[in-house]
C-alpha atoms as a PDB file:
ATOM      1  CA  UNK A   1       0.094   0.048   0.115  1.00  0.00           C
ATOM      2  CA  UNK A   2       1.434   3.120  -1.377  1.00  0.00           C
ATOM      3  CA  UNK A   3       1.901   6.394   1.061  1.00  0.00           C
ATOM      4  CA  UNK A   4       1.163  10.087   0.405  1.00  0.00           C
ATOM      5  CA  UNK A   5       3.111  11.602  -2.414  1.00  0.00           C
ATOM      6  CA  UNK A   6       5.863  13.318  -1.393  1.00  0.00           C
ATOM      7  CA  UNK A   7       6.563  17.274  -2.479  1.00  0.00           C
ATOM      8  CA  UNK A   8       9.062  15.888  -5.144  1.00  0.00           C
ATOM      9  CA  UNK A   9       6.864  13.796  -6.613  1.00  0.00           C
ATOM     10  CA  UNK A  10       3.857  16.010  -6.573  1.00  0.00           C
ATOM     11  CA  UNK A  11       6.365  18.523  -8.839  1.00  0.00           C
ATOM     12  CA  UNK A  12       7.112  15.961 -11.346  1.00  0.00           C
ATOM     13  CA  UNK A  13       3.708  15.265 -11.663  1.00  0.00           C
ATOM     14  CA  UNK A  14       2.804  18.803 -12.521  1.00  0.00           C
ATOM     15  CA  UNK A  15       5.631  18.951 -14.693  1.00  0.00           C
ATOM     16  CA  UNK A  16       4.458  15.985 -16.881  1.00  0.00           C
ATOM     17  CA  UNK A  17       0.891  17.632 -17.228  1.00  0.00           C
ATOM     18  CA  UNK A  18       2.678  20.819 -18.346  1.00  0.00           C
ATOM     19  CA  UNK A  19       4.480  19.078 -21.089  1.00  0.00           C
ATOM     20  CA  UNK A  20       1.268  16.846 -21.968  1.00  0.00           C
ATOM     21  CA  UNK A  21      -0.560  20.298 -22.832  1.00  0.00           C
ATOM     22  CA  UNK A  22       2.640  22.221 -24.256  1.00  0.00           C
ATOM     23  CA  UNK A  23       3.755  19.430 -26.728  1.00  0.00           C
ATOM     24  CA  UNK A  24       0.900  20.129 -29.024  1.00  0.00           C
ATOM     25  CA  UNK A  25       0.494  23.476 -28.872  1.00  0.00           C
ATOM     26  CA  UNK A  26       4.318  23.724 -29.541  1.00  0.00           C
ATOM     27  CA  UNK A  27       3.723  21.572 -32.919  1.00  0.00           C
ATOM     28  CA  UNK A  28       0.771  23.582 -33.821  1.00  0.00           C
ATOM     29  CA  UNK A  29       3.286  26.566 -33.788  1.00  0.00           C
ATOM     30  CA  UNK A  30       5.588  25.142 -35.680  1.00  0.00           C
ATOM     31  CA  UNK A  31       3.038  24.283 -38.227  1.00  0.00           C
ATOM     32  CA  UNK A  32       1.464  27.562 -38.484  1.00  0.00           C
ATOM     33  CA  UNK A  33       5.250  28.984 -39.066  1.00  0.00           C
ATOM     34  CA  UNK A  34       5.762  26.631 -41.961  1.00  0.00           C
ATOM     35  CA  UNK A  35       2.270  27.474 -43.484  1.00  0.00           C
ATOM     36  CA  UNK A  36       2.531  31.608 -43.276  1.00  0.00           C
ATOM     37  CA  UNK A  37       6.377  31.056 -44.671  1.00  0.00           C
ATOM     38  CA  UNK A  38       5.082  28.669 -47.446  1.00  0.00           C
ATOM     39  CA  UNK A  39       2.383  31.314 -48.302  1.00  0.00           C
ATOM     40  CA  UNK A  40       4.526  34.404 -48.217  1.00  0.00           C
ATOM     41  CA  UNK A  41       7.025  32.590 -50.593  1.00  0.00           C
ATOM     42  CA  UNK A  42       4.900  30.925 -52.942  1.00  0.00           C
ATOM     43  CA  UNK A  43       4.949  32.109 -56.687  1.00  0.00           C
ATOM     44  CA  UNK A  44       1.506  31.375 -56.950  1.00  0.00           C
ATOM     45  CA  UNK A  45       0.244  33.829 -54.040  1.00  0.00           C
ATOM     46  CA  UNK A  46      -0.953  36.453 -56.355  1.00  0.00           C
ATOM     47  CA  UNK A  47      -2.918  33.777 -58.737  1.00  0.00           C
ATOM     48  CA  UNK A  48      -6.723  33.633 -58.787  1.00  0.00           C
ATOM     49  CA  UNK A  49      -7.917  30.290 -60.702  1.00  0.00           C
ATOM     50  CA  UNK A  50     -10.492  31.586 -63.180  1.00  0.00           C
ATOM     51  CA  UNK A  51     -12.484  28.456 -64.784  1.00  0.00           C
ATOM     52  CA  UNK A  52     -12.733  31.204 -68.006  1.00  0.00           C
ATOM     53  CA  UNK A  53      -8.805  31.232 -68.687  1.00  0.00           C
ATOM     54  CA  UNK A  54      -8.293  28.881 -71.894  1.00  0.00           C
ATOM     55  CA  UNK A  55     -11.828  29.368 -72.818  1.00  0.00           C
ATOM     56  CA  UNK A  56     -13.702  31.234 -75.529  1.00  0.00           C
ATOM     57  CA  UNK A  57     -14.970  34.676 -73.992  1.00  0.00           C
ATOM     58  CA  UNK A  58     -18.401  34.223 -73.042  1.00  0.00           C
ATOM     59  CA  UNK A  59     -20.734  35.789 -75.644  1.00  0.00           C
ATOM     60  CA  UNK A  60     -22.654  39.030 -75.373  1.00  0.00           C
ATOM     61  CA  UNK A  61     -24.605  41.980 -76.871  1.00  0.00           C
ATOM     62  CA  UNK A  62     -25.230  44.974 -75.001  1.00  0.00           C
ATOM     63  CA  UNK A  63     -26.542  48.582 -75.989  1.00  0.00           C
ATOM     64  CA  UNK A  64     -23.688  50.816 -77.084  1.00  0.00           C
ATOM     65  CA  UNK A  65     -22.947  53.954 -74.651  1.00  0.00           C
ATOM     66  CA  UNK A  66     -21.549  56.128 -77.283  1.00  0.00           C
ATOM     67  CA  UNK A  67     -22.637  54.783 -80.509  1.00  0.00           C
ATOM     68  CA  UNK A  68     -26.264  54.460 -79.872  1.00  0.00           C
ATOM     69  CA  UNK A  69     -28.164  51.990 -82.389  1.00  0.00           C
ATOM     70  CA  UNK A  70     -24.714  50.122 -82.723  1.00  0.00           C
ATOM     71  CA  UNK A  71     -24.870  47.179 -80.033  1.00  0.00           C
ATOM     72  CA  UNK A  72     -21.681  45.964 -78.450  1.00  0.00           C
ATOM     73  CA  UNK A  73     -21.293  42.513 -78.649  1.00  0.00           C
ATOM     74  CA  UNK A  74     -18.501  39.519 -77.983  1.00  0.00           C
ATOM     75  CA  UNK A  75     -18.111  39.283 -82.107  1.00  0.00           C
ATOM     76  CA  UNK A  76     -16.005  42.287 -81.943  1.00  0.00           C
ATOM     77  CA  UNK A  77     -13.142  40.153 -80.160  1.00  0.00           C
ATOM     78  CA  UNK A  78     -12.340  37.886 -82.776  1.00  0.00           C
ATOM     79  CA  UNK A  79      -9.523  38.249 -85.244  1.00  0.00           C
ATOM     80  CA  UNK A  80      -7.287  40.707 -83.393  1.00  0.00           C
ATOM     81  CA  UNK A  81      -5.935  40.675 -79.650  1.00  0.00           C
ATOM     82  CA  UNK A  82      -8.500  42.876 -77.511  1.00  0.00           C
ATOM     83  CA  UNK A  83      -8.613  44.270 -73.868  1.00  0.00           C
ATOM     84  CA  UNK A  84     -12.145  43.781 -71.906  1.00  0.00           C
ATOM     85  CA  UNK A  85     -12.016  46.318 -69.340  1.00  0.00           C
ATOM     86  CA  UNK A  86     -14.878  46.030 -66.658  1.00  0.00           C
ATOM     87  CA  UNK A  87     -15.594  49.708 -65.035  1.00  0.00           C
ATOM     88  CA  UNK A  88     -18.077  52.184 -63.356  1.00  0.00           C
ATOM     89  CA  UNK A  89     -18.462  55.428 -62.817  1.00  0.00           C
ATOM     90  CA  UNK A  90     -18.750  54.477 -58.746  1.00  0.00           C
ATOM     91  CA  UNK A  91     -15.410  52.746 -59.034  1.00  0.00           C
ATOM     92  CA  UNK A  92     -12.622  54.911 -57.390  1.00  0.00           C
ATOM     93  CA  UNK A  93      -9.730  52.519 -58.751  1.00  0.00           C
ATOM     94  CA  UNK A  94     -11.457  52.987 -62.103  1.00  0.00           C
ATOM     95  CA  UNK A  95     -10.447  56.687 -62.141  1.00  0.00           C
ATOM     96  CA  UNK A  96      -6.700  55.819 -60.930  1.00  0.00           C
ATOM     97  CA  UNK A  97      -6.636  53.257 -63.830  1.00  0.00           C
ATOM     98  CA  UNK A  98      -7.964  55.518 -66.467  1.00  0.00           C
ATOM     99  CA  UNK A  99      -4.832  57.435 -67.488  1.00  0.00           C
ATOM    100  CA  UNK A 100      -3.118  54.086 -68.280  1.00  0.00           C
ATOM    101  CA  UNK A 101      -6.026  52.849 -70.364  1.00  0.00           C
ATOM    102  CA  UNK A 102      -5.593  56.277 -72.133  1.00  0.00           C
ATOM    103  CA  UNK A 103      -2.102  55.294 -72.491  1.00  0.00           C
ATOM    104  CA  UNK A 104      -3.003  51.834 -74.030  1.00  0.00           C
ATOM    105  CA  UNK A 105      -5.430  53.563 -76.713  1.00  0.00           C
ATOM    106  CA  UNK A 106      -2.570  56.248 -77.471  1.00  0.00           C
ATOM    107  CA  UNK A 107       0.007  52.999 -78.422  1.00  0.00           C
ATOM    108  CA  UNK A 108      -2.679  51.237 -80.790  1.00  0.00           C
ATOM    109  CA  UNK A 109      -1.818  47.910 -80.195  1.00  0.00           C
ATOM    110  CA  UNK A 110      -5.467  46.658 -79.019  1.00  0.00           C
ATOM    111  CA  UNK A 111      -8.674  48.062 -78.810  1.00  0.00           C
ATOM    112  CA  UNK A 112     -10.020  48.571 -75.416  1.00  0.00           C
ATOM    113  CA  UNK A 113     -13.737  47.404 -75.285  1.00  0.00           C
ATOM    114  CA  UNK A 114     -15.314  48.907 -72.060  1.00  0.00           C
ATOM    115  CA  UNK A 115     -18.197  47.180 -70.093  1.00  0.00           C
ATOM    116  CA  UNK A 116     -19.897  50.103 -67.943  1.00  0.00           C
ATOM    117  CA  UNK A 117     -21.104  47.555 -64.917  1.00  0.00           C
ATOM    118  CA  UNK A 118     -24.372  48.918 -62.877  1.00  0.00           C
ATOM    119  CA  UNK A 119     -24.045  52.330 -63.925  1.00  0.00           C
ATOM    120  CA  UNK A 120     -26.016  55.277 -64.931  1.00  0.00           C
ATOM    121  CA  UNK A 121     -25.591  55.767 -68.593  1.00  0.00           C
ATOM    122  CA  UNK A 122     -25.791  59.760 -68.103  1.00  0.00           C
ATOM    123  CA  UNK A 123     -22.992  59.320 -65.707  1.00  0.00           C
ATOM    124  CA  UNK A 124     -20.763  57.215 -67.797  1.00  0.00           C
ATOM    125  CA  UNK A 125     -20.988  59.334 -70.406  1.00  0.00           C
ATOM    126  CA  UNK A 126     -20.341  62.502 -68.634  1.00  0.00           C
ATOM    127  CA  UNK A 127     -17.148  60.578 -67.276  1.00  0.00           C
ATOM    128  CA  UNK A 128     -15.881  59.712 -70.671  1.00  0.00           C
ATOM    129  CA  UNK A 129     -16.323  63.571 -71.821  1.00  0.00           C
ATOM    130  CA  UNK A 130     -14.774  64.800 -68.794  1.00  0.00           C
ATOM    131  CA  UNK A 131     -12.069  62.336 -68.487  1.00  0.00           C
ATOM    132  CA  UNK A 132     -11.281  61.302 -71.883  1.00  0.00           C
ATOM    133  CA  UNK A 133     -12.245  58.003 -73.791  1.00  0.00           C
ATOM    134  CA  UNK A 134     -10.093  54.805 -74.207  1.00  0.00           C
ATOM    135  CA  UNK A 135     -12.802  52.651 -75.436  1.00  0.00           C
ATOM    136  CA  UNK A 136     -13.133  51.320 -78.945  1.00  0.00           C
ATOM    137  CA  UNK A 137     -16.352  50.392 -77.879  1.00  0.00           C
ATOM    138  CA  UNK A 138     -18.420  50.605 -74.423  1.00  0.00           C
ATOM    139  CA  UNK A 139     -21.469  47.991 -73.950  1.00  0.00           C
ATOM    140  CA  UNK A 140     -23.952  49.088 -71.129  1.00  0.00           C
ATOM    141  CA  UNK A 141     -24.601  46.098 -68.498  1.00  0.00           C
ATOM    142  CA  UNK A 142     -26.865  47.997 -66.212  1.00  0.00           C
ATOM    143  CA  UNK A 143     -28.057  44.704 -64.497  1.00  0.00           C
ATOM    144  CA  UNK A 144     -24.889  43.404 -64.362  1.00  0.00           C
ATOM    145  CA  UNK A 145     -25.910  40.052 -66.386  1.00  0.00           C
ATOM    146  CA  UNK A 146     -22.779  40.141 -68.616  1.00  0.00           C
ATOM    147  CA  UNK A 147     -20.321  40.766 -65.792  1.00  0.00           C
ATOM    148  CA  UNK A 148     -21.721  37.574 -63.985  1.00  0.00           C
ATOM    149  CA  UNK A 149     -21.025  35.456 -67.214  1.00  0.00           C
ATOM    150  CA  UNK A 150     -17.560  37.075 -67.144  1.00  0.00           C
ATOM    151  CA  UNK A 151     -16.873  36.027 -63.388  1.00  0.00           C
ATOM    152  CA  UNK A 152     -16.772  39.736 -62.339  1.00  0.00           C
ATOM    153  CA  UNK A 153     -17.025  40.159 -58.674  1.00  0.00           C
ATOM    154  CA  UNK A 154     -15.376  43.907 -58.585  1.00  0.00           C
ATOM    155  CA  UNK A 155     -14.208  46.639 -60.718  1.00  0.00           C
ATOM    156  CA  UNK A 156     -11.836  47.399 -62.176  1.00  0.00           C
ATOM    157  CA  UNK A 157     -11.305  43.745 -63.852  1.00  0.00           C
ATOM    158  CA  UNK A 158      -9.655  43.602 -67.152  1.00  0.00           C
ATOM    159  CA  UNK A 159      -9.646  40.390 -69.580  1.00  0.00           C
ATOM    160  CA  UNK A 160      -6.987  39.678 -72.515  1.00  0.00           C
ATOM    161  CA  UNK A 161      -8.268  37.964 -75.372  1.00  0.00           C
ATOM    162  CA  UNK A 162      -6.474  36.620 -78.171  1.00  0.00           C
ATOM    163  CA  UNK A 163      -7.398  36.568 -82.064  1.00  0.00           C
ATOM    164  CA  UNK A 164      -9.712  33.437 -81.674  1.00  0.00           C
ATOM    165  CA  UNK A 165     -11.835  35.041 -78.957  1.00  0.00           C
ATOM    166  CA  UNK A 166     -10.077  32.844 -76.223  1.00  0.00           C
ATOM    167  CA  UNK A 167      -9.527  34.692 -72.621  1.00  0.00           C
ATOM    168  CA  UNK A 168      -5.547  34.122 -71.687  1.00  0.00           C
ATOM    169  CA  UNK A 169      -5.039  36.621 -69.044  1.00  0.00           C
ATOM    170  CA  UNK A 170      -7.243  38.110 -66.343  1.00  0.00           C
ATOM    171  CA  UNK A 171      -6.477  41.449 -64.246  1.00  0.00           C
ATOM    172  CA  UNK A 172      -8.076  41.554 -60.852  1.00  0.00           C
ATOM    173  CA  UNK A 173      -7.894  45.297 -59.587  1.00  0.00           C
ATOM    174  CA  UNK A 174      -6.449  48.404 -61.528  1.00  0.00           C
ATOM    175  CA  UNK A 175      -3.628  47.724 -64.810  1.00  0.00           C
ATOM    176  CA  UNK A 176      -0.471  50.199 -63.975  1.00  0.00           C
ATOM    177  CA  UNK A 177       1.752  50.821 -66.744  1.00  0.00           C
ATOM    178  CA  UNK A 178       4.169  47.931 -65.001  1.00  0.00           C
ATOM    179  CA  UNK A 179       1.315  45.463 -65.344  1.00  0.00           C
ATOM    180  CA  UNK A 180       0.311  46.543 -68.619  1.00  0.00           C
ATOM    181  CA  UNK A 181       4.010  45.935 -69.879  1.00  0.00           C
ATOM    182  CA  UNK A 182       4.899  42.845 -67.593  1.00  0.00           C
ATOM    183  CA  UNK A 183       2.005  40.596 -68.276  1.00  0.00           C
ATOM    184  CA  UNK A 184      -0.222  42.271 -71.124  1.00  0.00           C
ATOM    185  CA  UNK A 185       2.353  42.903 -73.645  1.00  0.00           C
ATOM    186  CA  UNK A 186       4.174  40.280 -72.733  1.00  0.00           C
ATOM    187  CA  UNK A 187       1.956  37.401 -73.709  1.00  0.00           C
ATOM    188  CA  UNK A 188       1.183  39.534 -76.700  1.00  0.00           C
ATOM    189  CA  UNK A 189       4.483  39.501 -77.728  1.00  0.00           C
ATOM    190  CA  UNK A 190       5.340  35.956 -76.427  1.00  0.00           C
ATOM    191  CA  UNK A 191       2.947  34.885 -79.411  1.00  0.00           C
ATOM    192  CA  UNK A 192       4.563  37.044 -82.061  1.00  0.00           C
ATOM    193  CA  UNK A 193       1.654  38.897 -82.338  1.00  0.00           C
ATOM    194  CA  UNK A 194       0.030  35.712 -83.744  1.00  0.00           C
ATOM    195  CA  UNK A 195      -2.741  33.665 -82.373  1.00  0.00           C
ATOM    196  CA  UNK A 196      -2.190  31.874 -79.072  1.00  0.00           C
ATOM    197  CA  UNK A 197      -2.491  31.018 -75.517  1.00  0.00           C
ATOM    198  CA  UNK A 198       0.934  31.307 -73.882  1.00  0.00           C
ATOM    199  CA  UNK A 199       0.816  32.452 -70.800  1.00  0.00           C
ATOM    200  CA  UNK A 200      -2.547  31.783 -69.704  1.00  0.00           C
ATOM    201  CA  UNK A 201      -2.783  33.299 -65.916  1.00  0.00           C
ATOM    202  CA  UNK A 202      -5.018  35.412 -63.436  1.00  0.00           C
ATOM    203  CA  UNK A 203      -3.166  37.882 -61.079  1.00  0.00           C
ATOM    204  CA  UNK A 204      -3.903  40.554 -58.875  1.00  0.00           C
ATOM    205  CA  UNK A 205      -1.901  43.703 -58.986  1.00  0.00           C
ATOM    206  CA  UNK A 206       2.134  43.528 -58.180  1.00  0.00           C
ATOM    207  CA  UNK A 207       3.228  44.751 -54.885  1.00  0.00           C
ATOM    208  CA  UNK A 208      -0.086  45.074 -53.545  1.00  0.00           C
ATOM    209  CA  UNK A 209      -0.181  41.483 -51.568  1.00  0.00           C
ATOM    210  CA  UNK A 210      -2.088  38.498 -52.596  1.00  0.00           C
ATOM    211  CA  UNK A 211      -4.987  38.613 -54.727  1.00  0.00           C
ATOM    212  CA  UNK A 212      -7.595  38.444 -52.130  1.00  0.00           C
ATOM    213  CA  UNK A 213      -6.306  41.726 -50.829  1.00  0.00           C
ATOM    214  CA  UNK A 214      -6.124  43.409 -54.340  1.00  0.00           C
ATOM    215  CA  UNK A 215      -8.570  46.773 -54.132  1.00  0.00           C
ATOM    216  CA  UNK A 216     -11.368  46.548 -56.248  1.00  0.00           C
ATOM    217  CA  UNK A 217     -14.781  48.128 -55.997  1.00  0.00           C
ATOM    218  CA  UNK A 218     -18.620  46.720 -56.191  1.00  0.00           C
ATOM    219  CA  UNK A 219     -21.298  48.337 -56.970  1.00  0.00           C
ATOM    220  CA  UNK A 220     -23.979  49.487 -54.577  1.00  0.00           C
ATOM    221  CA  UNK A 221     -26.679  46.834 -54.489  1.00  0.00           C
ATOM    222  CA  UNK A 222     -29.770  47.755 -56.556  1.00  0.00           C
ATOM    223  CA  UNK A 223     -32.891  48.764 -54.839  1.00  0.00           C
ATOM    224  CA  UNK A 224     -35.329  46.232 -54.476  1.00  0.00           C
ATOM    225  CA  UNK A 225     -38.335  46.182 -56.918  1.00  0.00           C
ATOM    226  CA  UNK A 226     -41.442  47.416 -55.792  1.00  0.00           C
ATOM    227  CA  UNK A 227     -43.997  44.883 -55.123  1.00  0.00           C
ATOM    228  CA  UNK A 228     -47.225  44.741 -57.584  1.00  0.00           C
END
């Protein structure tokens, strides 16, 4: 029959108890550090997987914001490289991006097809009159249906479409001159200016962290329709 535990045995038992709880916590902390370091150094950290990459651009026909009776359609995306830019006057980052789009237009390498998303046509027309119009055509998408088909969740977003009408790159967030050169022109140059899908990918703005943190704006929800 054992006697009462001595003071030394009590301290030893307490120490074993502490280690029993500390060891799992230590292992968890090490795994967490490994995970964070891996994410920070992963070359894929800025990449968003889009189901549209490498596939034909979704078909659409939209009212033309600037040319009245002439609709804007996805047929305009075939036979040459195209840049599709989703924007809105309510989007602060779209205003920041606008000078780059004007620069792209001035270069004359690819036409820019604008999709004015969840916007007021009069506001959009005034915006282009004041800031300049970088677009070859602008389609009005007031209810956001086309933007949904293109997988848009914020503005600005842009898509590089090759001469076969295939989406080869998606930019989440504003295009900067550096992004235009490194991501868009690089893909066009890699194909020799001809048809091709080299370098298919999606990215957020370089230098702004992971794609999930790229600043994009979303339209305010439309007011509910009055019941009939």
